Amino acid sequence: MKQLASTGAERLPHCKNRCGRRVQTKRSKLCSNCFGTNAVRSGALSAGNAKGNPGNAGNTSAKGNPGNAGNAKGNPGNAGSTSVGPVKIRAGRRSGLKRSAKYALVVKKQWLDLILAGKKNWEIRGCSTTRRGWIHFAESQAGGKLVGRARLVDCLSVSESMFMKHFSNHHVKSWSAMPYKHVYAWVLEQAERYDIPFEYDHQQGAVIWVKTQ
């Protein structure tokens, strides 16, 4: 009897992990050692509970359930808390947006809507600016709200011919209608509107720039 059992075991295929061991049944693909190791690894990668524990290691017996796999009806088991992480990520991103710039440019709504829609990347002004980098946008007369941001990358002196040629950049219809003696284009990139505006304390008398931090 012992000789027959040994002969039957020799007919069983080898473990697919190429560890040299044979599987325990003809339907098995892994030996018991490799199966248990995989089960522990799968259990360690489960989502765990809300405090971030990596889940249990699973059943390392011959049945090999990989951690808490749920009940016999196929429920996926305890997947851990799926809301805390995304909430913290969104809060962190908003905090980062608020800190991305120290100043806001005050812009009238008709122009600001075009800027934040990506249709206007020249903000026409009557003076130059040396400020560069991320800036917030505050809508003029909107009551202390930061509604979006963009990167201020350049400042160009604009002639009348240049103004007419680049209408699609600024959308101002008439050169003669502008109240400026000298005309400058503040060049903007990567404009985006905030999903939820930020509130800030608007400084009395601020009409171009307002400090937000």
Protein backbone atom coordinates (compact mmCIF):
# COMPACT_ATOMS: atom_id res chain seq x y z
CA MET A 1 0.00 0.00 0.00
CA LYS A 2 2.80 2.44 0.79
CA GLN A 3 4.43 1.69 -2.56
CA LEU A 4 1.17 2.39 -4.45
CA ALA A 5 0.62 5.73 -2.62
CA SER A 6 4.14 6.79 -3.47
CA THR A 7 3.67 5.86 -7.11
CA GLY A 8 0.41 7.82 -7.27
CA ALA A 9 2.07 10.93 -5.79
CA GLU A 10 4.81 10.70 -8.41
CA ARG A 11 2.18 11.02 -11.15
CA LEU A 12 0.95 14.35 -9.78
CA PRO A 13 2.27 17.43 -11.67
CA HIS A 14 4.91 19.74 -10.25
CA CYS A 15 4.07 23.11 -8.68
CA LYS A 16 3.76 25.87 -11.32
CA ASN A 17 6.13 28.05 -9.23
CA ARG A 18 8.90 25.59 -10.15
CA CYS A 19 9.87 25.01 -6.55
CA GLY A 20 10.46 21.31 -7.24
CA ARG A 21 7.55 20.08 -5.12
CA ARG A 22 4.50 18.26 -6.43
CA VAL A 23 0.92 19.40 -5.94
CA GLN A 24 -1.44 17.45 -3.66
CA THR A 25 -4.25 16.81 -6.17
CA LYS A 26 -4.51 16.70 -9.97
CA ARG A 27 -6.59 19.90 -9.94
CA SER A 28 -4.04 21.85 -7.91
CA LYS A 29 -1.58 24.21 -9.56
CA LEU A 30 0.54 25.03 -6.50
CA CYS A 31 2.09 22.89 -3.80
CA SER A 32 0.83 23.48 -0.27
CA ASN A 33 3.87 25.62 0.67
CA CYS A 34 3.53 27.98 -2.32
CA PHE A 35 -0.23 28.13 -1.94
CA GLY A 36 0.12 29.22 1.71
CA THR A 37 2.76 31.82 0.82
CA ASN A 38 0.50 33.33 -1.87
CA ALA A 39 -2.43 33.40 0.55
CA VAL A 40 -0.38 35.32 3.13
CA ARG A 41 0.78 37.79 0.49
CA SER A 42 -2.78 38.34 -0.82
CA GLY A 43 -4.06 38.88 2.72
CA ALA A 44 -1.35 41.46 3.41
CA LEU A 45 -2.49 43.48 0.38
CA SER A 46 -6.14 43.66 1.45
CA ALA A 47 -7.53 47.11 2.31
CA GLY A 48 -7.81 46.48 6.06
CA ASN A 49 -9.79 48.63 8.45
CA ALA A 50 -10.10 52.43 8.68
CA LYS A 51 -6.95 52.70 10.80
CA GLY A 52 -4.88 51.33 7.95
CA ASN A 53 -4.17 47.76 9.21
CA PRO A 54 -3.24 45.69 6.17
CA GLY A 55 -6.01 43.09 6.64
CA ASN A 56 -5.64 39.54 8.00
CA ALA A 57 -3.26 37.12 6.38
CA GLY A 58 -6.00 34.78 5.23
CA ASN A 59 -6.50 31.07 5.71
CA THR A 60 -3.23 29.31 4.90
CA SER A 61 -4.77 25.83 5.06
CA ALA A 62 -5.30 23.62 2.04
CA LYS A 63 -8.45 25.57 1.15
CA GLY A 64 -6.30 28.67 0.87
CA ASN A 65 -8.79 31.53 1.31
CA PRO A 66 -6.72 34.69 0.63
CA GLY A 67 -7.58 36.73 3.68
CA ASN A 68 -11.10 37.79 4.56
CA ALA A 69 -12.76 36.90 1.28
CA GLY A 70 -16.38 37.31 2.35
CA ASN A 71 -19.04 34.66 2.74
CA ALA A 72 -20.00 31.72 0.53
CA LYS A 73 -22.40 33.87 -1.52
CA GLY A 74 -19.51 35.84 -2.91
CA ASN A 75 -19.64 39.00 -0.84
CA PRO A 76 -16.25 40.71 -1.16
CA GLY A 77 -15.57 40.74 2.58
CA ASN A 78 -14.34 43.67 4.65
CA ALA A 79 -12.82 46.10 2.17
CA GLY A 80 -12.02 48.68 4.85
CA SER A 81 -13.05 52.32 4.90
CA THR A 82 -13.30 53.72 1.36
CA SER A 83 -14.30 57.29 2.25
CA VAL A 84 -11.65 58.65 4.64
CA GLY A 85 -8.79 58.57 2.09
CA PRO A 86 -10.57 60.40 -0.79
CA VAL A 87 -11.94 63.04 1.61
CA LYS A 88 -8.46 63.76 2.93
CA ILE A 89 -7.06 63.89 -0.61
CA ARG A 90 -9.69 66.43 -1.70
CA ALA A 91 -9.11 68.52 1.43
CA GLY A 92 -5.37 68.43 0.87
CA ARG A 93 -5.74 69.49 -2.76
CA ARG A 94 -7.98 72.42 -1.82
CA SER A 95 -5.51 73.49 0.84
CA GLY A 96 -2.73 73.29 -1.74
CA LEU A 97 -4.73 75.38 -4.21
CA LYS A 98 -5.33 78.07 -1.60
CA ARG A 99 -1.60 78.20 -0.79
CA SER A 100 -0.50 78.14 -4.44
CA ALA A 101 -0.52 81.93 -4.70
CA LYS A 102 -0.26 84.88 -2.32
CA TYR A 103 -1.97 87.42 -4.57
CA ALA A 104 -5.20 87.62 -6.52
CA LEU A 105 -5.85 89.66 -9.63
CA VAL A 106 -9.19 91.47 -9.51
CA VAL A 107 -10.98 90.97 -12.86
CA LYS A 108 -14.45 91.90 -14.09
CA LYS A 109 -16.80 88.95 -14.56
CA GLN A 110 -17.15 89.26 -18.37
CA TRP A 111 -13.38 88.85 -18.81
CA LEU A 112 -12.88 86.40 -15.98
CA ASP A 113 -15.40 83.95 -17.42
CA LEU A 114 -13.48 83.93 -20.72
CA ILE A 115 -10.14 83.43 -18.95
CA LEU A 116 -11.38 80.52 -16.84
CA ALA A 117 -13.04 78.94 -19.90
CA GLY A 118 -9.67 78.94 -21.67
CA LYS A 119 -10.81 81.42 -24.35
CA LYS A 120 -8.75 84.44 -23.26
CA ASN A 121 -5.08 84.32 -22.28
CA TRP A 122 -4.22 88.02 -22.52
CA GLU A 123 -5.48 90.25 -19.73
CA ILE A 124 -5.25 93.79 -21.12
CA ARG A 125 -4.01 96.37 -18.61
CA GLY A 126 -2.72 99.94 -18.64
CA CYS A 127 0.50 99.12 -16.77
CA SER A 128 3.19 96.47 -16.83
CA THR A 129 3.85 93.89 -14.12
CA THR A 130 6.93 92.00 -13.01
CA ARG A 131 4.95 89.44 -11.03
CA ARG A 132 5.20 85.86 -12.34
CA GLY A 133 3.88 82.46 -11.34
CA TRP A 134 0.54 81.29 -9.99
CA ILE A 135 -2.04 83.95 -9.18
CA HIS A 136 -5.61 83.67 -7.94
CA PHE A 137 -8.50 85.46 -9.61
CA ALA A 138 -10.95 87.50 -7.57
CA GLU A 139 -14.13 88.51 -9.34
CA SER A 140 -14.66 92.25 -9.17
CA GLN A 141 -17.47 93.25 -6.78
CA ALA A 142 -18.21 89.59 -5.90
CA GLY A 143 -17.69 89.98 -2.16
CA GLY A 144 -14.32 88.46 -1.33
CA LYS A 145 -14.24 85.19 -3.29
CA LEU A 146 -11.33 83.56 -5.12
CA VAL A 147 -12.89 81.78 -8.09
CA GLY A 148 -9.89 80.38 -9.98
CA ARG A 149 -6.21 80.65 -10.76
CA ALA A 150 -3.66 80.75 -13.62
CA ARG A 151 0.05 81.15 -14.18
CA LEU A 152 1.18 84.66 -15.14
CA VAL A 153 4.10 83.99 -17.48
CA ASP A 154 4.80 87.23 -19.36
CA CYS A 155 3.94 90.90 -19.86
CA LEU A 156 3.96 92.37 -23.36
CA SER A 157 3.82 95.97 -24.56
CA VAL A 158 1.06 96.02 -27.20
CA SER A 159 0.85 98.27 -30.25
CA GLU A 160 -2.39 98.95 -32.11
CA SER A 161 -1.48 96.62 -34.99
CA MET A 162 -0.48 93.88 -32.55
CA PHE A 163 -3.71 94.43 -30.65
CA MET A 164 -5.85 93.99 -33.76
CA LYS A 165 -3.89 90.94 -34.90
CA HIS A 166 -4.34 89.11 -31.60
CA PHE A 167 -8.04 89.69 -31.00
CA SER A 168 -8.57 86.00 -30.18
CA ASN A 169 -6.14 86.33 -27.27
CA HIS A 170 -7.92 89.23 -25.54
CA HIS A 171 -11.45 89.61 -27.07
CA VAL A 172 -11.46 93.40 -26.63
CA LYS A 173 -13.31 94.69 -29.69
CA SER A 174 -11.94 98.19 -30.07
CA TRP A 175 -8.53 99.78 -29.58
CA SER A 176 -10.10 103.23 -29.26
CA ALA A 177 -12.46 102.07 -26.50
CA MET A 178 -9.62 101.34 -24.10
CA PRO A 179 -8.94 104.03 -21.46
CA TYR A 180 -5.19 103.33 -21.35
CA LYS A 181 -2.40 105.55 -22.66
CA HIS A 182 -0.10 102.53 -22.81
CA VAL A 183 -1.41 99.03 -23.38
CA TYR A 184 0.04 95.84 -21.93
CA ALA A 185 -0.95 92.19 -22.26
CA TRP A 186 -0.50 90.08 -19.15
CA VAL A 187 -0.01 86.60 -20.58
CA LEU A 188 -1.74 83.74 -18.74
CA GLU A 189 -1.44 79.96 -18.89
CA GLN A 190 -3.15 76.95 -17.30
CA ALA A 191 -6.22 78.82 -16.13
CA GLU A 192 -8.69 76.81 -14.06
CA ARG A 193 -11.89 77.54 -12.17
CA TYR A 194 -12.26 76.31 -8.60
CA ASP A 195 -15.12 73.89 -7.96
CA ILE A 196 -15.85 75.76 -4.74
CA PRO A 197 -14.61 79.38 -4.41
CA PHE A 198 -12.35 80.33 -1.51
CA GLU A 199 -13.24 83.24 0.74
CA TYR A 200 -10.71 85.95 1.60
CA ASP A 201 -10.67 89.34 3.30
CA HIS A 202 -10.76 91.94 0.55
CA GLN A 203 -8.58 94.93 1.35
CA GLN A 204 -10.36 98.24 1.08
CA GLY A 205 -9.32 100.11 -2.07
CA ALA A 206 -7.66 97.13 -3.82
CA VAL A 207 -8.59 97.32 -7.51
CA ILE A 208 -5.77 95.42 -9.28
CA TRP A 209 -3.99 93.14 -6.82
CA VAL A 210 -5.19 91.88 -3.47
CA LYS A 211 -3.10 89.91 -1.00
CA THR A 212 -4.69 86.59 0.01
CA GLN A 213 -2.15 85.25 2.52
